[in-house]
Amino acid sequence: LRNEGILKNMPTNLGSYARSPAAWLSMLAVLIGGCASAPASVEISDVEEVAAVVTAVDQGRRLVTIRGPQGNEVTFQAGPEVRNLAQVQTGDVVRLSYEQAYIATRTDADEMSAGVPVAAGAARAEPGQRPGGMIGAMATITVRIESVGPGGRSVTYAEPDEQLHAMYLRREEAQAFVRSLRPGDIVELTHVEALAITVEPLGE
């Protein structure tokens, strides 16, 4: 289940959430806690993680070279917004973790909401800490169910602008939720995503 929107207006003082996409998703789950009282809902999440090794650091020019898991090397320049670059050394491990969650909730509403509540935020390591940062975003939209395919493997819905979209579902939990829907039901779709980057000394 996916929706798109312009993501903004989330406070940027996120503290420890900078190092944990899971913490970010947990915090946002509180914001969508109303799902618990809804007649039916489903949540699907995925996590992808990649680790790379720092092979060269040019502190003067703020250049860092990393080697990925397949042996390919990339050099990038750390901008002034990157704190604590002086702590990065050859052999350090850069970890990237990307998480996303999709939440679909059947509501008791009779009509779709015209607006699309959105939120986004970012955080970075405090001075003196190991380098790291996080960005995250959440977008919500309500849709109207038009039809449900056999076994819940597909669903057609209308967005607030009345444009129709067809979606094909592979996961059983999503299909089970769709099987409970009827034409005319109003469903709230929420998409949450977060990316965290941390730098750890080799061996940690």
N, C-alpha and C. Protein backbone atom coordinates (compact mmCIF):
# COMPACT_ATOMS: atom_id res chain seq x y z
N LEU A 1 0.86 -1.18 0.00
CA LEU A 1 0.00 0.00 0.00
C LEU A 1 0.89 1.23 0.00
N ARG A 2 0.68 2.11 -0.92
CA ARG A 2 1.62 3.22 -1.05
C ARG A 2 0.86 4.50 -1.35
N ASN A 3 1.36 5.59 -0.78
CA ASN A 3 0.86 6.89 -1.16
C ASN A 3 2.02 7.84 -1.17
N GLU A 4 1.88 8.97 -1.84
CA GLU A 4 2.96 9.93 -1.97
C GLU A 4 2.48 11.30 -1.57
N GLY A 5 3.41 12.17 -1.14
CA GLY A 5 3.03 13.53 -0.79
C GLY A 5 4.26 14.35 -0.50
N ILE A 6 4.11 15.67 -0.39
CA ILE A 6 5.18 16.55 0.01
C ILE A 6 5.32 16.44 1.51
N LEU A 7 6.53 16.15 2.00
CA LEU A 7 6.74 15.82 3.40
C LEU A 7 7.45 16.96 4.10
N LYS A 8 6.83 17.49 5.15
CA LYS A 8 7.39 18.65 5.82
C LYS A 8 6.81 18.77 7.22
N ASN A 9 7.28 19.80 7.95
CA ASN A 9 6.67 20.26 9.19
C ASN A 9 6.84 19.35 10.38
N MET A 10 7.83 18.48 10.42
CA MET A 10 8.10 17.70 11.62
C MET A 10 9.24 18.38 12.39
N PRO A 11 9.13 18.56 13.73
CA PRO A 11 10.23 19.15 14.50
C PRO A 11 11.51 18.37 14.28
N THR A 12 12.64 19.08 14.25
CA THR A 12 13.91 18.44 13.91
C THR A 12 14.72 18.03 15.12
N ASN A 13 14.30 18.34 16.34
CA ASN A 13 15.04 17.96 17.53
C ASN A 13 14.63 16.55 17.93
N LEU A 14 15.25 15.52 17.33
CA LEU A 14 14.81 14.15 17.49
C LEU A 14 15.69 13.33 18.41
N GLY A 15 16.76 13.92 18.93
CA GLY A 15 17.58 13.25 19.92
C GLY A 15 18.08 11.89 19.47
N SER A 16 17.81 10.84 20.31
CA SER A 16 18.34 9.52 20.04
C SER A 16 17.73 8.86 18.82
N TYR A 17 16.63 9.41 18.26
CA TYR A 17 16.05 8.82 17.06
C TYR A 17 17.03 8.89 15.89
N ALA A 18 18.06 9.73 15.99
CA ALA A 18 19.00 9.88 14.88
C ALA A 18 19.71 8.58 14.55
N ARG A 19 19.85 7.71 15.53
CA ARG A 19 20.62 6.49 15.29
C ARG A 19 19.73 5.27 15.11
N SER A 20 18.42 5.43 15.07
CA SER A 20 17.56 4.25 15.04
C SER A 20 16.30 4.48 14.23
N PRO A 21 16.23 3.95 13.00
CA PRO A 21 14.98 4.03 12.26
C PRO A 21 13.84 3.35 13.00
N ALA A 22 14.13 2.26 13.73
CA ALA A 22 13.07 1.58 14.47
C ALA A 22 12.47 2.50 15.52
N ALA A 23 13.31 3.29 16.18
CA ALA A 23 12.80 4.24 17.16
C ALA A 23 11.93 5.29 16.49
N TRP A 24 12.37 5.74 15.31
CA TRP A 24 11.58 6.71 14.55
C TRP A 24 10.21 6.13 14.20
N LEU A 25 10.18 4.88 13.72
CA LEU A 25 8.92 4.26 13.36
C LEU A 25 8.04 4.07 14.59
N SER A 26 8.65 3.75 15.73
CA SER A 26 7.87 3.58 16.95
C SER A 26 7.26 4.90 17.38
N MET A 27 8.05 5.99 17.26
CA MET A 27 7.52 7.29 17.63
C MET A 27 6.35 7.66 16.74
N LEU A 28 6.48 7.41 15.43
CA LEU A 28 5.40 7.77 14.53
C LEU A 28 4.19 6.86 14.73
N ALA A 29 4.42 5.65 15.23
CA ALA A 29 3.28 4.78 15.50
C ALA A 29 2.37 5.39 16.55
N VAL A 30 2.94 6.16 17.48
CA VAL A 30 2.13 6.84 18.47
C VAL A 30 1.24 7.87 17.79
N LEU A 31 1.80 8.55 16.78
CA LEU A 31 1.03 9.57 16.08
C LEU A 31 -0.15 8.97 15.33
N ILE A 32 -0.03 7.70 14.92
CA ILE A 32 -1.13 7.05 14.21
C ILE A 32 -1.79 6.02 15.11
N GLY A 33 -1.74 6.28 16.41
CA GLY A 33 -2.29 5.34 17.38
C GLY A 33 -3.78 5.16 17.24
N GLY A 34 -4.46 6.06 16.57
CA GLY A 34 -5.89 5.92 16.37
C GLY A 34 -6.24 4.68 15.59
N CYS A 35 -5.27 4.09 14.93
CA CYS A 35 -5.54 2.87 14.16
C CYS A 35 -6.04 1.75 15.06
N ALA A 36 -5.63 1.76 16.34
CA ALA A 36 -5.96 0.66 17.22
C ALA A 36 -7.47 0.54 17.44
N SER A 37 -8.21 1.65 17.40
CA SER A 37 -9.63 1.62 17.65
C SER A 37 -10.45 1.43 16.38
N ALA A 38 -9.79 1.34 15.24
CA ALA A 38 -10.48 1.20 13.97
C ALA A 38 -11.00 -0.23 13.82
N PRO A 39 -12.03 -0.44 12.95
CA PRO A 39 -12.57 -1.78 12.76
C PRO A 39 -11.54 -2.79 12.28
N ALA A 40 -10.62 -2.38 11.44
CA ALA A 40 -9.62 -3.32 10.92
C ALA A 40 -8.42 -2.54 10.41
N SER A 41 -7.25 -3.12 10.53
CA SER A 41 -6.04 -2.47 10.02
C SER A 41 -4.97 -3.51 9.77
N VAL A 42 -3.97 -3.13 8.99
CA VAL A 42 -2.84 -4.00 8.72
C VAL A 42 -1.60 -3.13 8.61
N GLU A 43 -0.47 -3.65 9.08
CA GLU A 43 0.81 -2.94 8.99
C GLU A 43 1.84 -3.87 8.39
N ILE A 44 2.54 -3.38 7.38
CA ILE A 44 3.60 -4.14 6.73
C ILE A 44 4.87 -3.31 6.76
N SER A 45 5.98 -3.90 7.18
CA SER A 45 7.24 -3.15 7.26
C SER A 45 8.37 -3.96 6.65
N ASP A 46 9.38 -3.25 6.17
CA ASP A 46 10.57 -3.86 5.58
C ASP A 46 11.80 -3.11 6.06
N VAL A 47 12.91 -3.83 6.18
CA VAL A 47 14.18 -3.25 6.61
C VAL A 47 15.28 -3.70 5.66
N GLU A 48 16.10 -2.75 5.22
CA GLU A 48 17.27 -3.08 4.40
C GLU A 48 18.49 -2.45 5.07
N GLU A 49 19.55 -3.24 5.20
CA GLU A 49 20.78 -2.76 5.84
C GLU A 49 21.99 -3.03 4.96
N VAL A 50 22.91 -2.07 4.93
CA VAL A 50 24.14 -2.20 4.15
C VAL A 50 25.29 -1.69 5.02
N ALA A 51 26.40 -2.40 5.00
CA ALA A 51 27.60 -1.98 5.73
C ALA A 51 28.74 -1.76 4.74
N ALA A 52 29.50 -0.68 4.92
CA ALA A 52 30.66 -0.37 4.08
C ALA A 52 31.83 -0.01 4.99
N VAL A 53 33.04 -0.20 4.47
CA VAL A 53 34.25 0.05 5.25
C VAL A 53 34.94 1.30 4.73
N VAL A 54 35.37 2.16 5.64
CA VAL A 54 36.12 3.36 5.26
C VAL A 54 37.54 2.96 4.85
N THR A 55 37.91 3.28 3.63
CA THR A 55 39.24 2.91 3.13
C THR A 55 40.19 4.09 3.06
N ALA A 56 39.68 5.31 3.09
CA ALA A 56 40.55 6.49 3.04
C ALA A 56 39.78 7.70 3.58
N VAL A 57 40.51 8.58 4.27
CA VAL A 57 39.91 9.81 4.82
C VAL A 57 40.88 10.96 4.56
N ASP A 58 40.40 12.02 3.92
CA ASP A 58 41.17 13.25 3.73
C ASP A 58 40.48 14.33 4.54
N GLN A 59 40.95 14.53 5.78
CA GLN A 59 40.29 15.47 6.67
C GLN A 59 40.35 16.90 6.15
N GLY A 60 41.46 17.26 5.49
CA GLY A 60 41.62 18.62 4.99
C GLY A 60 40.56 18.97 3.96
N ARG A 61 40.31 18.05 3.02
CA ARG A 61 39.31 18.29 1.97
C ARG A 61 37.96 17.65 2.30
N ARG A 62 37.87 17.03 3.50
CA ARG A 62 36.63 16.40 3.97
C ARG A 62 36.15 15.33 2.99
N LEU A 63 37.10 14.54 2.47
CA LEU A 63 36.78 13.47 1.54
C LEU A 63 36.86 12.13 2.26
N VAL A 64 35.85 11.29 2.05
CA VAL A 64 35.81 9.96 2.66
C VAL A 64 35.56 8.93 1.56
N THR A 65 36.38 7.90 1.53
CA THR A 65 36.20 6.81 0.57
C THR A 65 35.74 5.58 1.32
N ILE A 66 34.67 4.94 0.83
CA ILE A 66 34.16 3.72 1.46
C ILE A 66 34.10 2.61 0.42
N ARG A 67 34.26 1.36 0.90
CA ARG A 67 34.17 0.18 0.05
C ARG A 67 32.93 -0.61 0.43
N GLY A 68 32.07 -0.87 -0.54
CA GLY A 68 30.82 -1.58 -0.30
C GLY A 68 31.02 -3.08 -0.19
N PRO A 69 29.95 -3.81 0.11
CA PRO A 69 30.06 -5.27 0.31
C PRO A 69 30.48 -6.03 -0.94
N GLN A 70 30.32 -5.43 -2.13
CA GLN A 70 30.74 -6.09 -3.36
C GLN A 70 32.10 -5.60 -3.84
N GLY A 71 32.78 -4.82 -3.01
CA GLY A 71 34.13 -4.38 -3.34
C GLY A 71 34.22 -3.06 -4.08
N ASN A 72 33.12 -2.47 -4.45
CA ASN A 72 33.14 -1.19 -5.16
C ASN A 72 33.42 -0.06 -4.18
N GLU A 73 34.21 0.93 -4.64
CA GLU A 73 34.57 2.05 -3.78
C GLU A 73 33.92 3.34 -4.29
N VAL A 74 33.52 4.17 -3.34
CA VAL A 74 32.90 5.46 -3.64
C VAL A 74 33.54 6.51 -2.75
N THR A 75 33.86 7.67 -3.32
CA THR A 75 34.40 8.79 -2.56
C THR A 75 33.39 9.91 -2.55
N PHE A 76 33.12 10.45 -1.39
CA PHE A 76 32.19 11.57 -1.28
C PHE A 76 32.77 12.63 -0.36
N GLN A 77 32.27 13.84 -0.50
CA GLN A 77 32.72 14.95 0.34
C GLN A 77 31.68 15.23 1.40
N ALA A 78 32.11 15.22 2.65
CA ALA A 78 31.21 15.50 3.76
C ALA A 78 31.02 17.01 3.89
N GLY A 79 29.80 17.46 3.81
CA GLY A 79 29.50 18.88 3.90
C GLY A 79 29.69 19.40 5.31
N PRO A 80 29.57 20.73 5.48
CA PRO A 80 29.76 21.33 6.80
C PRO A 80 28.73 20.88 7.82
N GLU A 81 27.60 20.35 7.36
CA GLU A 81 26.57 19.91 8.29
C GLU A 81 26.93 18.59 8.97
N VAL A 82 27.97 17.89 8.46
CA VAL A 82 28.41 16.63 9.06
C VAL A 82 29.32 16.93 10.23
N ARG A 83 28.86 16.56 11.42
CA ARG A 83 29.64 16.82 12.63
C ARG A 83 30.61 15.68 12.92
N ASN A 84 31.67 16.00 13.65
CA ASN A 84 32.58 15.00 14.21
C ASN A 84 33.31 14.18 13.15
N LEU A 85 33.55 14.78 11.98
CA LEU A 85 34.26 14.04 10.93
C LEU A 85 35.66 13.65 11.37
N ALA A 86 36.26 14.42 12.27
CA ALA A 86 37.62 14.12 12.72
C ALA A 86 37.72 12.76 13.40
N GLN A 87 36.59 12.21 13.86
CA GLN A 87 36.62 10.91 14.52
C GLN A 87 36.64 9.75 13.52
N VAL A 88 36.35 10.02 12.26
CA VAL A 88 36.30 8.95 11.27
C VAL A 88 37.71 8.54 10.88
N GLN A 89 37.97 7.24 10.90
CA GLN A 89 39.30 6.71 10.57
C GLN A 89 39.18 5.56 9.59
N THR A 90 40.29 5.28 8.93
CA THR A 90 40.34 4.13 8.03
C THR A 90 40.04 2.86 8.82
N GLY A 91 39.16 2.03 8.25
CA GLY A 91 38.77 0.80 8.92
C GLY A 91 37.43 0.90 9.63
N ASP A 92 36.93 2.12 9.85
CA ASP A 92 35.62 2.28 10.46
C ASP A 92 34.54 1.69 9.55
N VAL A 93 33.44 1.30 10.15
CA VAL A 93 32.32 0.70 9.42
C VAL A 93 31.16 1.71 9.35
N VAL A 94 30.72 1.98 8.13
CA VAL A 94 29.56 2.85 7.92
C VAL A 94 28.35 1.95 7.70
N ARG A 95 27.34 2.13 8.53
CA ARG A 95 26.14 1.30 8.42
C ARG A 95 24.95 2.18 8.00
N LEU A 96 24.25 1.72 6.98
CA LEU A 96 23.04 2.38 6.51
C LEU A 96 21.86 1.44 6.73
N SER A 97 20.82 1.95 7.34
CA SER A 97 19.62 1.16 7.61
C SER A 97 18.41 1.92 7.10
N TYR A 98 17.66 1.29 6.19
CA TYR A 98 16.47 1.91 5.62
C TYR A 98 15.25 1.10 6.01
N GLU A 99 14.28 1.74 6.64
CA GLU A 99 13.06 1.07 7.05
C GLU A 99 11.87 1.80 6.47
N GLN A 100 10.87 1.03 6.09
CA GLN A 100 9.62 1.64 5.68
C GLN A 100 8.46 0.78 6.15
N ALA A 101 7.35 1.43 6.44
CA ALA A 101 6.16 0.74 6.91
C ALA A 101 4.95 1.31 6.19
N TYR A 102 4.01 0.43 5.90
CA TYR A 102 2.74 0.81 5.29
C TYR A 102 1.63 0.38 6.23
N ILE A 103 0.77 1.32 6.59
CA ILE A 103 -0.34 1.03 7.49
C ILE A 103 -1.64 1.37 6.76
N ALA A 104 -2.55 0.39 6.73
CA ALA A 104 -3.86 0.61 6.13
C ALA A 104 -4.92 0.38 7.20
N THR A 105 -5.85 1.31 7.34
CA THR A 105 -6.87 1.24 8.38
C THR A 105 -8.24 1.54 7.80
N ARG A 106 -9.17 0.62 8.00
CA ARG A 106 -10.54 0.91 7.61
C ARG A 106 -11.16 1.82 8.65
N THR A 107 -11.78 2.90 8.22
CA THR A 107 -12.35 3.88 9.13
C THR A 107 -13.87 3.81 9.10
N ASP A 108 -14.48 4.58 10.00
CA ASP A 108 -15.94 4.69 10.05
C ASP A 108 -16.44 5.90 9.28
N ALA A 109 -15.54 6.59 8.59
CA ALA A 109 -15.93 7.80 7.87
C ALA A 109 -16.83 7.47 6.69
N ASP A 110 -17.65 8.44 6.31
CA ASP A 110 -18.52 8.29 5.15
C ASP A 110 -17.91 8.87 3.88
N GLU A 111 -16.94 9.79 4.05
CA GLU A 111 -16.32 10.45 2.91
C GLU A 111 -14.81 10.54 3.11
N MET A 112 -14.08 10.72 2.01
CA MET A 112 -12.64 10.89 2.08
C MET A 112 -12.30 12.29 2.57
N SER A 113 -11.18 12.42 3.26
CA SER A 113 -10.69 13.73 3.69
C SER A 113 -9.95 14.38 2.54
N ALA A 114 -10.16 15.68 2.37
CA ALA A 114 -9.52 16.38 1.26
C ALA A 114 -8.03 16.56 1.48
N GLY A 115 -7.61 16.79 2.71
CA GLY A 115 -6.21 17.07 3.00
C GLY A 115 -5.37 15.80 3.09
N VAL A 116 -4.05 15.99 3.04
CA VAL A 116 -3.10 14.88 3.18
C VAL A 116 -2.12 15.25 4.28
N PRO A 117 -2.38 14.84 5.54
CA PRO A 117 -1.44 15.15 6.63
C PRO A 117 -0.07 14.56 6.33
N VAL A 118 0.97 15.37 6.47
CA VAL A 118 2.32 14.92 6.17
C VAL A 118 3.27 15.39 7.27
N ALA A 119 4.40 14.71 7.40
CA ALA A 119 5.41 15.09 8.38
C ALA A 119 6.75 14.58 7.92
N ALA A 120 7.80 15.32 8.24
CA ALA A 120 9.16 14.88 7.93
C ALA A 120 10.11 15.49 8.94
N GLY A 121 11.25 14.86 9.13
CA GLY A 121 12.22 15.39 10.07
C GLY A 121 13.59 14.79 9.84
N ALA A 122 14.57 15.37 10.50
CA ALA A 122 15.95 14.91 10.39
C ALA A 122 16.68 15.19 11.69
N ALA A 123 17.71 14.43 11.95
CA ALA A 123 18.52 14.63 13.15
C ALA A 123 19.95 14.23 12.84
N ARG A 124 20.89 14.76 13.59
CA ARG A 124 22.29 14.40 13.41
C ARG A 124 22.94 14.25 14.77
N ALA A 125 24.13 13.64 14.78
CA ALA A 125 24.83 13.37 16.02
C ALA A 125 25.19 14.68 16.72
N GLU A 126 25.19 14.63 18.05
CA GLU A 126 25.61 15.78 18.84
C GLU A 126 27.13 15.91 18.79
N PRO A 127 27.64 17.12 19.03
CA PRO A 127 29.10 17.31 19.06
C PRO A 127 29.75 16.34 20.06
N GLY A 128 30.82 15.69 19.62
CA GLY A 128 31.53 14.75 20.47
C GLY A 128 31.12 13.32 20.30
N GLN A 129 29.95 13.08 19.70
CA GLN A 129 29.50 11.72 19.46
C GLN A 129 30.09 11.18 18.16
N ARG A 130 29.92 9.87 17.95
CA ARG A 130 30.31 9.31 16.67
C ARG A 130 29.43 9.91 15.58
N PRO A 131 29.99 10.12 14.38
CA PRO A 131 29.16 10.69 13.30
C PRO A 131 27.95 9.82 12.99
N GLY A 132 26.87 10.45 12.66
CA GLY A 132 25.65 9.72 12.32
C GLY A 132 24.50 10.68 12.08
N GLY A 133 23.44 10.17 11.52
CA GLY A 133 22.27 11.01 11.27
C GLY A 133 21.09 10.17 10.81
N MET A 134 19.93 10.83 10.72
CA MET A 134 18.72 10.14 10.33
C MET A 134 17.78 11.12 9.66
N ILE A 135 17.06 10.63 8.66
CA ILE A 135 15.96 11.38 8.07
C ILE A 135 14.75 10.46 8.04
N GLY A 136 13.57 11.03 8.22
CA GLY A 136 12.36 10.22 8.22
C GLY A 136 11.18 11.03 7.72
N ALA A 137 10.17 10.33 7.26
CA ALA A 137 8.99 11.02 6.72
C ALA A 137 7.76 10.13 6.87
N MET A 138 6.60 10.79 6.93
CA MET A 138 5.33 10.08 7.03
C MET A 138 4.29 10.84 6.22
N ALA A 139 3.47 10.13 5.47
CA ALA A 139 2.39 10.75 4.71
C ALA A 139 1.14 9.90 4.86
N THR A 140 0.00 10.55 4.97
CA THR A 140 -1.27 9.85 5.16
C THR A 140 -2.30 10.38 4.16
N ILE A 141 -3.11 9.47 3.63
CA ILE A 141 -4.16 9.84 2.70
C ILE A 141 -5.35 8.91 2.92
N THR A 142 -6.56 9.39 2.70
CA THR A 142 -7.73 8.53 2.77
C THR A 142 -8.23 8.23 1.37
N VAL A 143 -8.69 7.00 1.17
CA VAL A 143 -9.17 6.56 -0.15
C VAL A 143 -10.50 5.85 0.02
N ARG A 144 -11.23 5.70 -1.09
CA ARG A 144 -12.50 4.99 -1.09
C ARG A 144 -12.37 3.71 -1.91
N ILE A 145 -12.74 2.61 -1.33
CA ILE A 145 -12.64 1.32 -2.01
C ILE A 145 -13.71 1.23 -3.10
N GLU A 146 -13.28 0.88 -4.30
CA GLU A 146 -14.20 0.72 -5.43
C GLU A 146 -14.52 -0.74 -5.70
N SER A 147 -13.52 -1.61 -5.64
CA SER A 147 -13.76 -3.03 -5.87
C SER A 147 -12.62 -3.84 -5.26
N VAL A 148 -12.91 -5.10 -4.93
CA VAL A 148 -11.93 -6.02 -4.36
C VAL A 148 -11.86 -7.25 -5.26
N GLY A 149 -10.64 -7.63 -5.65
CA GLY A 149 -10.47 -8.77 -6.52
C GLY A 149 -10.58 -10.10 -5.79
N PRO A 150 -10.65 -11.20 -6.51
CA PRO A 150 -10.76 -12.53 -5.91
C PRO A 150 -9.63 -12.80 -4.91
N GLY A 151 -10.00 -13.28 -3.73
CA GLY A 151 -9.01 -13.63 -2.72
C GLY A 151 -8.31 -12.45 -2.10
N GLY A 152 -8.73 -11.23 -2.42
CA GLY A 152 -8.07 -10.05 -1.88
C GLY A 152 -6.72 -9.78 -2.49
N ARG A 153 -6.46 -10.40 -3.65
CA ARG A 153 -5.14 -10.23 -4.28
C ARG A 153 -5.02 -8.92 -5.04
N SER A 154 -6.13 -8.23 -5.21
CA SER A 154 -6.09 -6.92 -5.87
C SER A 154 -7.21 -6.05 -5.31
N VAL A 155 -7.03 -4.74 -5.43
CA VAL A 155 -8.04 -3.80 -4.96
C VAL A 155 -7.97 -2.55 -5.82
N THR A 156 -9.13 -1.98 -6.10
CA THR A 156 -9.20 -0.71 -6.83
C THR A 156 -9.79 0.33 -5.89
N TYR A 157 -9.14 1.51 -5.85
CA TYR A 157 -9.60 2.55 -4.94
C TYR A 157 -9.52 3.91 -5.62
N ALA A 158 -10.27 4.86 -5.07
CA ALA A 158 -10.27 6.24 -5.55
C ALA A 158 -9.63 7.13 -4.52
N GLU A 159 -8.77 8.05 -4.99
CA GLU A 159 -8.17 9.05 -4.11
C GLU A 159 -9.11 10.25 -4.00
N PRO A 160 -8.81 11.21 -3.13
CA PRO A 160 -9.72 12.35 -2.95
C PRO A 160 -10.02 13.12 -4.24
N ASP A 161 -9.11 13.08 -5.23
CA ASP A 161 -9.37 13.76 -6.50
C ASP A 161 -10.18 12.88 -7.46
N GLU A 162 -10.65 11.73 -6.96
CA GLU A 162 -11.47 10.77 -7.70
C GLU A 162 -10.71 10.00 -8.77
N GLN A 163 -9.38 10.10 -8.79
CA GLN A 163 -8.61 9.27 -9.70
C GLN A 163 -8.58 7.83 -9.16
N LEU A 164 -8.74 6.87 -10.06
CA LEU A 164 -8.78 5.47 -9.68
C LEU A 164 -7.39 4.84 -9.79
N HIS A 165 -7.09 3.93 -8.87
CA HIS A 165 -5.82 3.22 -8.86
C HIS A 165 -6.08 1.75 -8.57
N ALA A 166 -5.36 0.87 -9.24
CA ALA A 166 -5.44 -0.56 -8.98
C ALA A 166 -4.16 -1.02 -8.31
N MET A 167 -4.28 -1.88 -7.32
CA MET A 167 -3.12 -2.36 -6.57
C MET A 167 -3.18 -3.88 -6.48
N TYR A 168 -2.02 -4.51 -6.69
CA TYR A 168 -1.93 -5.96 -6.62
C TYR A 168 -1.08 -6.33 -5.41
N LEU A 169 -1.56 -7.24 -4.58
CA LEU A 169 -0.97 -7.53 -3.28
C LEU A 169 -0.40 -8.94 -3.26
N ARG A 170 0.80 -9.07 -2.69
CA ARG A 170 1.46 -10.38 -2.62
C ARG A 170 1.44 -10.97 -1.21
N ARG A 171 1.45 -10.13 -0.20
CA ARG A 171 1.54 -10.63 1.17
C ARG A 171 0.17 -11.06 1.68
N GLU A 172 0.15 -12.18 2.39
CA GLU A 172 -1.09 -12.74 2.87
C GLU A 172 -1.79 -11.80 3.84
N GLU A 173 -1.03 -11.14 4.74
CA GLU A 173 -1.67 -10.25 5.70
C GLU A 173 -2.38 -9.09 5.01
N ALA A 174 -1.80 -8.61 3.90
CA ALA A 174 -2.45 -7.54 3.15
C ALA A 174 -3.69 -8.06 2.44
N GLN A 175 -3.60 -9.26 1.88
CA GLN A 175 -4.75 -9.84 1.20
C GLN A 175 -5.89 -10.09 2.18
N ALA A 176 -5.55 -10.55 3.40
CA ALA A 176 -6.58 -10.80 4.40
C ALA A 176 -7.31 -9.51 4.76
N PHE A 177 -6.56 -8.42 4.88
CA PHE A 177 -7.19 -7.13 5.18
C PHE A 177 -8.10 -6.71 4.04
N VAL A 178 -7.63 -6.84 2.81
CA VAL A 178 -8.42 -6.42 1.66
C VAL A 178 -9.70 -7.26 1.53
N ARG A 179 -9.63 -8.53 1.89
CA ARG A 179 -10.83 -9.38 1.82
C ARG A 179 -11.94 -8.89 2.75
N SER A 180 -11.55 -8.13 3.79
CA SER A 180 -12.55 -7.62 4.73
C SER A 180 -13.21 -6.33 4.25
N LEU A 181 -12.72 -5.76 3.15
CA LEU A 181 -13.23 -4.49 2.66
C LEU A 181 -14.42 -4.69 1.73
N ARG A 182 -15.24 -3.64 1.64
CA ARG A 182 -16.38 -3.62 0.75
C ARG A 182 -16.37 -2.32 -0.04
N PRO A 183 -16.94 -2.31 -1.26
CA PRO A 183 -17.02 -1.05 -2.01
C PRO A 183 -17.69 0.03 -1.19
N GLY A 184 -17.09 1.22 -1.21
CA GLY A 184 -17.59 2.34 -0.42
C GLY A 184 -16.87 2.53 0.88
N ASP A 185 -16.12 1.52 1.37
CA ASP A 185 -15.36 1.69 2.60
C ASP A 185 -14.31 2.79 2.43
N ILE A 186 -14.09 3.55 3.50
CA ILE A 186 -13.04 4.58 3.51
C ILE A 186 -11.85 4.03 4.28
N VAL A 187 -10.70 4.03 3.64
CA VAL A 187 -9.48 3.47 4.23
C VAL A 187 -8.42 4.56 4.33
N GLU A 188 -7.76 4.61 5.46
CA GLU A 188 -6.64 5.54 5.67
C GLU A 188 -5.33 4.80 5.38
N LEU A 189 -4.54 5.35 4.47
CA LEU A 189 -3.25 4.77 4.11
C LEU A 189 -2.13 5.66 4.64
N THR A 190 -1.20 5.07 5.37
CA THR A 190 -0.07 5.81 5.91
C THR A 190 1.23 5.13 5.48
N HIS A 191 2.16 5.92 4.97
CA HIS A 191 3.47 5.43 4.55
C HIS A 191 4.52 6.12 5.42
N VAL A 192 5.33 5.33 6.10
CA VAL A 192 6.40 5.84 6.96
C VAL A 192 7.72 5.29 6.47
N GLU A 193 8.75 6.14 6.37
CA GLU A 193 10.07 5.66 5.97
C GLU A 193 11.14 6.42 6.74
N ALA A 194 12.26 5.75 6.98
CA ALA A 194 13.37 6.35 7.71
C ALA A 194 14.69 5.76 7.25
N LEU A 195 15.70 6.60 7.19
CA LEU A 195 17.06 6.18 6.82
C LEU A 195 18.02 6.66 7.89
N ALA A 196 18.79 5.75 8.45
CA ALA A 196 19.78 6.08 9.47
C ALA A 196 21.17 5.70 8.99
N ILE A 197 22.15 6.55 9.32
CA ILE A 197 23.55 6.31 8.98
C ILE A 197 24.37 6.43 10.25
N THR A 198 25.17 5.42 10.53
CA THR A 198 26.05 5.46 11.70
C THR A 198 27.47 5.05 11.28
N VAL A 199 28.46 5.50 12.04
CA VAL A 199 29.86 5.16 11.80
C VAL A 199 30.39 4.53 13.07
N GLU A 200 30.90 3.31 12.94
CA GLU A 200 31.37 2.56 14.10
C GLU A 200 32.83 2.14 13.90
N PRO A 201 33.61 2.16 14.97
CA PRO A 201 34.98 1.65 14.85
C PRO A 201 34.96 0.18 14.49
N LEU A 202 35.94 -0.28 13.72
CA LEU A 202 36.02 -1.67 13.31
C LEU A 202 36.07 -2.58 14.54
N GLY A 203 35.23 -3.61 14.56
CA GLY A 203 35.23 -4.54 15.66
C GLY A 203 34.11 -4.34 16.64
N GLU A 204 33.37 -3.21 16.55
CA GLU A 204 32.25 -3.00 17.47
C GLU A 204 31.06 -3.82 17.04
